Amino acid sequence: MNTLKDIRLASLLDRLFDEADAATSPALAELSHAERDRLMHSKTEYLDFYSRMKDLWLPVSRQTGELLYMLARSSGARTIVEFGTSFGLSTLYLAAALRDNDGAQLITSEFEPSKIARARQNLADAGLIDLVEIREGDALTTLSMDLPESIDLLLLDGAKPLYPEVLSLVESRLRPGALVVADDAHHCPDYLDRVRSTSGGYLSTPFADDIELSMRLA
């Protein structure tokens, strides 16, 4: 079984990637390059920064989406946590893998209400909404409680400076062998130092141009 090949999901993904490519953000265009870079790396102003970008999809690439599906599917993932839903493109790939694994639950977090509404609609259109719980609010709060006892895969694809903090919230629930996928992790050197450290409890390596792939060792 391969839900990615289902005509309903495949055509939806094509349409959503086209919409993502065409999206613009007038508010973001008003920021200087220096101010944009500062906000991108801020641990205190991330809500304001990503609110300005609410019109942008900020999706994973098609290739990264397919990688997520393959990692979740091949590892037999049944519980997944995602930081950064946006419009739900990465969520669709992960939920498709859960469907094919007879999986249980995907918990994802997003603070922008308009994105949550659209993500829910996209998941409903794909017939995958029953597998997904979208938690509205700051992930430092929404992912600090009521997580599954054992988590098979964690996707980090929200505000880059928060990657270490979100990992800390989830880490005690990651089973040995669990995978952690961090998109654009080069924007957070502290995160890379942590997962690449010989004493950090992970085996970690850069993958493609924009992914850090880590495996929990214990």
C-alpha atoms as a PDB file:
ATOM      1  CA  MET A   1       0.000   0.000   0.000  1.00  0.00           C
ATOM      2  CA  ASN A   2       1.324   3.475  -0.905  1.00  0.00           C
ATOM      3  CA  THR A   3      -0.969   6.328  -0.019  1.00  0.00           C
ATOM      4  CA  LEU A   4       1.339   8.773  -1.826  1.00  0.00           C
ATOM      5  CA  LYS A   5       0.198   7.178  -5.087  1.00  0.00           C
ATOM      6  CA  ASP A   6      -3.468   7.703  -4.262  1.00  0.00           C
ATOM      7  CA  ILE A   7      -4.838  10.051  -6.924  1.00  0.00           C
ATOM      8  CA  ARG A   8      -6.597  12.204  -4.336  1.00  0.00           C
ATOM      9  CA  LEU A   9      -3.398  12.891  -2.379  1.00  0.00           C
ATOM     10  CA  ALA A  10      -1.110  13.082  -5.415  1.00  0.00           C
ATOM     11  CA  SER A  11      -3.267  15.700  -7.150  1.00  0.00           C
ATOM     12  CA  LEU A  12      -3.644  17.644  -3.904  1.00  0.00           C
ATOM     13  CA  LEU A  13       0.121  17.756  -3.393  1.00  0.00           C
ATOM     14  CA  ASP A  14       0.624  18.994  -6.961  1.00  0.00           C
ATOM     15  CA  ARG A  15      -1.853  21.803  -6.400  1.00  0.00           C
ATOM     16  CA  LEU A  16      -0.461  22.783  -3.017  1.00  0.00           C
ATOM     17  CA  PHE A  17       3.134  22.944  -4.217  1.00  0.00           C
ATOM     18  CA  ASP A  18       2.003  25.186  -7.086  1.00  0.00           C
ATOM     19  CA  GLU A  19       0.260  27.469  -4.577  1.00  0.00           C
ATOM     20  CA  ALA A  20       3.332  27.492  -2.355  1.00  0.00           C
ATOM     21  CA  ASP A  21       5.569  28.488  -5.258  1.00  0.00           C
ATOM     22  CA  ALA A  22       3.266  31.391  -6.159  1.00  0.00           C
ATOM     23  CA  ALA A  23       2.857  32.767  -2.615  1.00  0.00           C
ATOM     24  CA  THR A  24       4.342  36.155  -1.692  1.00  0.00           C
ATOM     25  CA  SER A  25       4.693  38.108   1.551  1.00  0.00           C
ATOM     26  CA  PRO A  26       4.483  41.924   1.278  1.00  0.00           C
ATOM     27  CA  ALA A  27       5.182  42.252   5.009  1.00  0.00           C
ATOM     28  CA  LEU A  28       8.379  40.237   4.727  1.00  0.00           C
ATOM     29  CA  ALA A  29       9.481  42.223   1.679  1.00  0.00           C
ATOM     30  CA  GLU A  30       9.455  45.381   3.804  1.00  0.00           C
ATOM     31  CA  LEU A  31      12.193  44.014   6.069  1.00  0.00           C
ATOM     32  CA  SER A  32      15.838  44.645   5.301  1.00  0.00           C
ATOM     33  CA  HIS A  33      18.044  41.612   4.805  1.00  0.00           C
ATOM     34  CA  ALA A  34      19.832  42.360   8.085  1.00  0.00           C
ATOM     35  CA  GLU A  35      16.566  42.645  10.036  1.00  0.00           C
ATOM     36  CA  ARG A  36      15.229  39.481   8.449  1.00  0.00           C
ATOM     37  CA  ASP A  37      18.373  37.598   9.434  1.00  0.00           C
ATOM     38  CA  ARG A  38      18.214  38.953  12.979  1.00  0.00           C
ATOM     39  CA  LEU A  39      14.586  37.916  13.454  1.00  0.00           C
ATOM     40  CA  MET A  40      15.207  34.500  11.941  1.00  0.00           C
ATOM     41  CA  HIS A  41      17.771  33.788  14.636  1.00  0.00           C
ATOM     42  CA  SER A  42      15.915  35.367  17.563  1.00  0.00           C
ATOM     43  CA  LYS A  43      14.688  33.182  20.425  1.00  0.00           C
ATOM     44  CA  THR A  44      12.338  35.934  21.662  1.00  0.00           C
ATOM     45  CA  GLU A  45      10.813  37.481  18.518  1.00  0.00           C
ATOM     46  CA  TYR A  46       9.993  34.365  16.536  1.00  0.00           C
ATOM     47  CA  LEU A  47       6.228  34.733  16.935  1.00  0.00           C
ATOM     48  CA  ASP A  48       6.331  38.214  15.430  1.00  0.00           C
ATOM     49  CA  PHE A  49       8.639  37.104  12.633  1.00  0.00           C
ATOM     50  CA  TYR A  50       6.553  34.118  11.573  1.00  0.00           C
ATOM     51  CA  SER A  51       3.337  36.122  11.918  1.00  0.00           C
ATOM     52  CA  ARG A  52       4.745  38.471   9.284  1.00  0.00           C
ATOM     53  CA  MET A  53       5.290  35.460   7.054  1.00  0.00           C
ATOM     54  CA  LYS A  54       1.796  34.021   7.472  1.00  0.00           C
ATOM     55  CA  ASP A  55       1.177  34.278   3.717  1.00  0.00           C
ATOM     56  CA  LEU A  56       4.232  32.171   2.918  1.00  0.00           C
ATOM     57  CA  TRP A  57       3.923  28.405   2.930  1.00  0.00           C
ATOM     58  CA  LEU A  58       7.518  27.659   4.010  1.00  0.00           C
ATOM     59  CA  PRO A  59       7.067  24.042   2.892  1.00  0.00           C
ATOM     60  CA  VAL A  60       9.528  21.215   2.725  1.00  0.00           C
ATOM     61  CA  SER A  61      10.580  20.378  -0.805  1.00  0.00           C
ATOM     62  CA  ARG A  62       8.964  17.514  -2.700  1.00  0.00           C
ATOM     63  CA  GLN A  63      12.144  15.516  -2.222  1.00  0.00           C
ATOM     64  CA  THR A  64      12.157  16.154   1.524  1.00  0.00           C
ATOM     65  CA  GLY A  65       8.488  15.213   1.706  1.00  0.00           C
ATOM     66  CA  GLU A  66       9.187  11.923  -0.007  1.00  0.00           C
ATOM     67  CA  LEU A  67      12.163  11.373   2.304  1.00  0.00           C
ATOM     68  CA  LEU A  68       9.909  11.933   5.315  1.00  0.00           C
ATOM     69  CA  TYR A  69       7.455   9.394   3.973  1.00  0.00           C
ATOM     70  CA  MET A  70      10.217   6.835   3.373  1.00  0.00           C
ATOM     71  CA  LEU A  71      11.825   7.347   6.787  1.00  0.00           C
ATOM     72  CA  ALA A  72       8.517   7.042   8.606  1.00  0.00           C
ATOM     73  CA  ARG A  73       7.370   4.108   6.514  1.00  0.00           C
ATOM     74  CA  SER A  74      10.612   2.110   6.619  1.00  0.00           C
ATOM     75  CA  SER A  75      11.030   2.617  10.372  1.00  0.00           C
ATOM     76  CA  GLY A  76       7.481   1.435  11.008  1.00  0.00           C
ATOM     77  CA  ALA A  77       6.639   4.720  12.737  1.00  0.00           C
ATOM     78  CA  ARG A  78       3.313   4.776  14.540  1.00  0.00           C
ATOM     79  CA  THR A  79       3.717   7.937  16.628  1.00  0.00           C
ATOM     80  CA  ILE A  80       5.141  11.141  15.138  1.00  0.00           C
ATOM     81  CA  VAL A  81       5.584  14.672  16.483  1.00  0.00           C
ATOM     82  CA  GLU A  82       6.013  17.651  14.167  1.00  0.00           C
ATOM     83  CA  PHE A  83       7.118  21.182  15.084  1.00  0.00           C
ATOM     84  CA  GLY A  84       5.787  23.644  12.485  1.00  0.00           C
ATOM     85  CA  THR A  85       2.641  22.627  10.619  1.00  0.00           C
ATOM     86  CA  SER A  86       2.323  25.686   8.354  1.00  0.00           C
ATOM     87  CA  PHE A  87      -0.168  24.732   5.616  1.00  0.00           C
ATOM     88  CA  GLY A  88       0.405  21.032   6.215  1.00  0.00           C
ATOM     89  CA  LEU A  89       2.516  19.799   3.310  1.00  0.00           C
ATOM     90  CA  SER A  90       5.023  17.913   5.444  1.00  0.00           C
ATOM     91  CA  THR A  91       2.119  16.776   7.623  1.00  0.00           C
ATOM     92  CA  LEU A  92       0.473  15.163   4.601  1.00  0.00           C
ATOM     93  CA  TYR A  93       3.579  13.107   3.826  1.00  0.00           C
ATOM     94  CA  LEU A  94       3.951  11.966   7.435  1.00  0.00           C
ATOM     95  CA  ALA A  95       0.263  11.159   7.801  1.00  0.00           C
ATOM     96  CA  ALA A  96       0.386   9.144   4.584  1.00  0.00           C
ATOM     97  CA  ALA A  97       3.196   7.046   6.054  1.00  0.00           C
ATOM     98  CA  LEU A  98       1.210   6.529   9.243  1.00  0.00           C
ATOM     99  CA  ARG A  99      -1.786   5.381   7.213  1.00  0.00           C
ATOM    100  CA  ASP A 100       0.362   2.816   5.429  1.00  0.00           C
ATOM    101  CA  ASN A 101       1.945   1.700   8.718  1.00  0.00           C
ATOM    102  CA  ASP A 102      -1.450   1.295  10.385  1.00  0.00           C
ATOM    103  CA  GLY A 103      -0.110   4.041  12.638  1.00  0.00           C
ATOM    104  CA  ALA A 104      -1.713   5.694  15.573  1.00  0.00           C
ATOM    105  CA  GLN A 105      -1.086   9.437  15.814  1.00  0.00           C
ATOM    106  CA  LEU A 106       0.702  12.471  14.458  1.00  0.00           C
ATOM    107  CA  ILE A 107       0.846  15.470  16.814  1.00  0.00           C
ATOM    108  CA  THR A 108       1.790  18.747  15.138  1.00  0.00           C
ATOM    109  CA  SER A 109       1.976  22.324  16.403  1.00  0.00           C
ATOM    110  CA  GLU A 110       1.268  25.675  14.710  1.00  0.00           C
ATOM    111  CA  PHE A 111       0.510  29.095  16.217  1.00  0.00           C
ATOM    112  CA  GLU A 112      -0.943  30.902  13.169  1.00  0.00           C
ATOM    113  CA  PRO A 113      -4.752  30.326  13.104  1.00  0.00           C
ATOM    114  CA  SER A 114      -5.143  30.879   9.351  1.00  0.00           C
ATOM    115  CA  LYS A 115      -2.530  28.242   8.620  1.00  0.00           C
ATOM    116  CA  ILE A 116      -4.145  25.786  11.005  1.00  0.00           C
ATOM    117  CA  ALA A 117      -7.506  26.176   9.277  1.00  0.00           C
ATOM    118  CA  ARG A 118      -5.968  25.545   5.875  1.00  0.00           C
ATOM    119  CA  ALA A 119      -3.869  22.618   7.109  1.00  0.00           C
ATOM    120  CA  ARG A 120      -6.952  20.963   8.565  1.00  0.00           C
ATOM    121  CA  GLN A 121      -8.783  21.399   5.267  1.00  0.00           C
ATOM    122  CA  ASN A 122      -5.859  19.949   3.315  1.00  0.00           C
ATOM    123  CA  LEU A 123      -5.696  16.932   5.604  1.00  0.00           C
ATOM    124  CA  ALA A 124      -9.454  16.449   5.338  1.00  0.00           C
ATOM    125  CA  ASP A 125      -9.273  16.675   1.533  1.00  0.00           C
ATOM    126  CA  ALA A 126      -6.613  13.954   1.576  1.00  0.00           C
ATOM    127  CA  GLY A 127      -8.635  11.730   3.898  1.00  0.00           C
ATOM    128  CA  LEU A 128      -5.906  11.843   6.550  1.00  0.00           C
ATOM    129  CA  ILE A 129      -7.326  14.189   9.174  1.00  0.00           C
ATOM    130  CA  ASP A 130      -8.260  11.310  11.485  1.00  0.00           C
ATOM    131  CA  LEU A 131      -4.568  10.579  12.080  1.00  0.00           C
ATOM    132  CA  VAL A 132      -3.538  14.134  12.994  1.00  0.00           C
ATOM    133  CA  GLU A 133      -3.910  16.313  16.081  1.00  0.00           C
ATOM    134  CA  ILE A 134      -3.015  19.956  15.371  1.00  0.00           C
ATOM    135  CA  ARG A 135      -2.176  21.857  18.543  1.00  0.00           C
ATOM    136  CA  GLU A 136      -2.678  25.609  18.283  1.00  0.00           C
ATOM    137  CA  GLY A 137      -0.181  27.907  20.001  1.00  0.00           C
ATOM    138  CA  ASP A 138       3.496  28.284  20.808  1.00  0.00           C
ATOM    139  CA  ALA A 139       5.138  24.869  20.513  1.00  0.00           C
ATOM    140  CA  LEU A 140       7.109  25.500  23.703  1.00  0.00           C
ATOM    141  CA  THR A 141       3.738  25.193  25.429  1.00  0.00           C
ATOM    142  CA  THR A 142       1.757  22.852  23.182  1.00  0.00           C
ATOM    143  CA  LEU A 143       4.498  20.215  23.004  1.00  0.00           C
ATOM    144  CA  SER A 144       5.318  20.371  26.709  1.00  0.00           C
ATOM    145  CA  MET A 145       2.428  18.109  27.737  1.00  0.00           C
ATOM    146  CA  ASP A 146       0.356  15.059  26.822  1.00  0.00           C
ATOM    147  CA  LEU A 147       2.820  13.428  24.441  1.00  0.00           C
ATOM    148  CA  PRO A 148       2.819   9.698  23.615  1.00  0.00           C
ATOM    149  CA  GLU A 149       4.929   7.530  25.906  1.00  0.00           C
ATOM    150  CA  SER A 150       7.051   6.468  22.945  1.00  0.00           C
ATOM    151  CA  ILE A 151       7.743   8.608  19.859  1.00  0.00           C
ATOM    152  CA  ASP A 152       9.155   7.096  16.691  1.00  0.00           C
ATOM    153  CA  LEU A 153       9.927  10.204  14.638  1.00  0.00           C
ATOM    154  CA  LEU A 154      10.285  13.937  15.312  1.00  0.00           C
ATOM    155  CA  LEU A 155      10.243  16.555  12.559  1.00  0.00           C
ATOM    156  CA  LEU A 156      11.649  19.995  13.383  1.00  0.00           C
ATOM    157  CA  ASP A 157      10.459  22.494  10.798  1.00  0.00           C
ATOM    158  CA  GLY A 158       9.367  25.588  12.741  1.00  0.00           C
ATOM    159  CA  ALA A 159      11.314  28.552  14.146  1.00  0.00           C
ATOM    160  CA  LYS A 160      14.931  27.468  13.781  1.00  0.00           C
ATOM    161  CA  PRO A 161      16.276  28.976  17.043  1.00  0.00           C
ATOM    162  CA  LEU A 162      13.838  26.788  19.006  1.00  0.00           C
ATOM    163  CA  TYR A 163      15.114  23.455  17.700  1.00  0.00           C
ATOM    164  CA  PRO A 164      17.144  22.679  20.870  1.00  0.00           C
ATOM    165  CA  GLU A 165      14.244  23.656  23.140  1.00  0.00           C
ATOM    166  CA  VAL A 166      11.686  21.570  21.240  1.00  0.00           C
ATOM    167  CA  LEU A 167      14.059  18.614  21.170  1.00  0.00           C
ATOM    168  CA  SER A 168      14.395  18.904  24.948  1.00  0.00           C
ATOM    169  CA  LEU A 169      10.613  18.781  25.345  1.00  0.00           C
ATOM    170  CA  VAL A 170      10.303  15.592  23.316  1.00  0.00           C
ATOM    171  CA  GLU A 171      13.609  13.875  23.988  1.00  0.00           C
ATOM    172  CA  SER A 172      12.594  11.764  26.985  1.00  0.00           C
ATOM    173  CA  ARG A 173       9.834  10.185  24.862  1.00  0.00           C
ATOM    174  CA  LEU A 174      12.038   9.322  21.870  1.00  0.00           C
ATOM    175  CA  ARG A 175      12.519   5.576  21.757  1.00  0.00           C
ATOM    176  CA  PRO A 176      15.985   4.167  21.059  1.00  0.00           C
ATOM    177  CA  GLY A 177      16.351   4.241  17.281  1.00  0.00           C
ATOM    178  CA  ALA A 178      13.859   7.084  16.878  1.00  0.00           C
ATOM    179  CA  LEU A 179      14.614   9.466  14.031  1.00  0.00           C
ATOM    180  CA  VAL A 180      14.862  13.250  14.289  1.00  0.00           C
ATOM    181  CA  VAL A 181      14.653  15.211  11.041  1.00  0.00           C
ATOM    182  CA  ALA A 182      15.590  18.908  11.220  1.00  0.00           C
ATOM    183  CA  ASP A 183      14.890  21.067   8.175  1.00  0.00           C
ATOM    184  CA  ASP A 184      17.278  23.978   7.515  1.00  0.00           C
ATOM    185  CA  ALA A 185      19.169  23.104  10.692  1.00  0.00           C
ATOM    186  CA  HIS A 186      22.188  25.103   9.508  1.00  0.00           C
ATOM    187  CA  HIS A 187      20.322  28.155  10.819  1.00  0.00           C
ATOM    188  CA  CYS A 188      20.721  26.786  14.373  1.00  0.00           C
ATOM    189  CA  PRO A 189      24.363  25.918  15.158  1.00  0.00           C
ATOM    190  CA  ASP A 190      23.466  25.168  18.790  1.00  0.00           C
ATOM    191  CA  TYR A 191      21.189  22.379  17.632  1.00  0.00           C
ATOM    192  CA  LEU A 192      23.833  20.908  15.347  1.00  0.00           C
ATOM    193  CA  ASP A 193      26.433  21.016  18.112  1.00  0.00           C
ATOM    194  CA  ARG A 194      24.063  19.128  20.373  1.00  0.00           C
ATOM    195  CA  VAL A 195      23.050  16.283  18.067  1.00  0.00           C
ATOM    196  CA  ARG A 196      26.549  15.898  16.610  1.00  0.00           C
ATOM    197  CA  SER A 197      28.272  15.774  19.989  1.00  0.00           C
ATOM    198  CA  THR A 198      29.809  12.390  20.790  1.00  0.00           C
ATOM    199  CA  SER A 199      28.142  12.585  24.205  1.00  0.00           C
ATOM    200  CA  GLY A 200      24.778  13.900  23.006  1.00  0.00           C
ATOM    201  CA  GLY A 201      23.065  10.548  22.612  1.00  0.00           C
ATOM    202  CA  TYR A 202      22.542  10.755  18.847  1.00  0.00           C
ATOM    203  CA  LEU A 203      24.121   9.572  15.643  1.00  0.00           C
ATOM    204  CA  SER A 204      23.707  12.512  13.295  1.00  0.00           C
ATOM    205  CA  THR A 205      24.667  13.494   9.781  1.00  0.00           C
ATOM    206  CA  PRO A 206      23.775  16.168   7.222  1.00  0.00           C
ATOM    207  CA  PHE A 207      21.535  14.838   4.477  1.00  0.00           C
ATOM    208  CA  ALA A 208      21.125  16.538   1.099  1.00  0.00           C
ATOM    209  CA  ASP A 209      21.487  20.322   1.214  1.00  0.00           C
ATOM    210  CA  ASP A 210      19.082  21.251   3.981  1.00  0.00           C
ATOM    211  CA  ILE A 211      18.420  18.303   6.306  1.00  0.00           C
ATOM    212  CA  GLU A 212      20.074  17.078   9.487  1.00  0.00           C
ATOM    213  CA  LEU A 213      19.123  13.456  10.097  1.00  0.00           C
ATOM    214  CA  SER A 214      19.691  12.088  13.595  1.00  0.00           C
ATOM    215  CA  MET A 215      18.985   8.803  15.329  1.00  0.00           C
ATOM    216  CA  ARG A 216      18.402   8.532  19.074  1.00  0.00           C
ATOM    217  CA  LEU A 217      20.859   6.035  20.528  1.00  0.00           C
ATOM    218  CA  ALA A 218      19.435   5.605  24.020  1.00  0.00           C
END
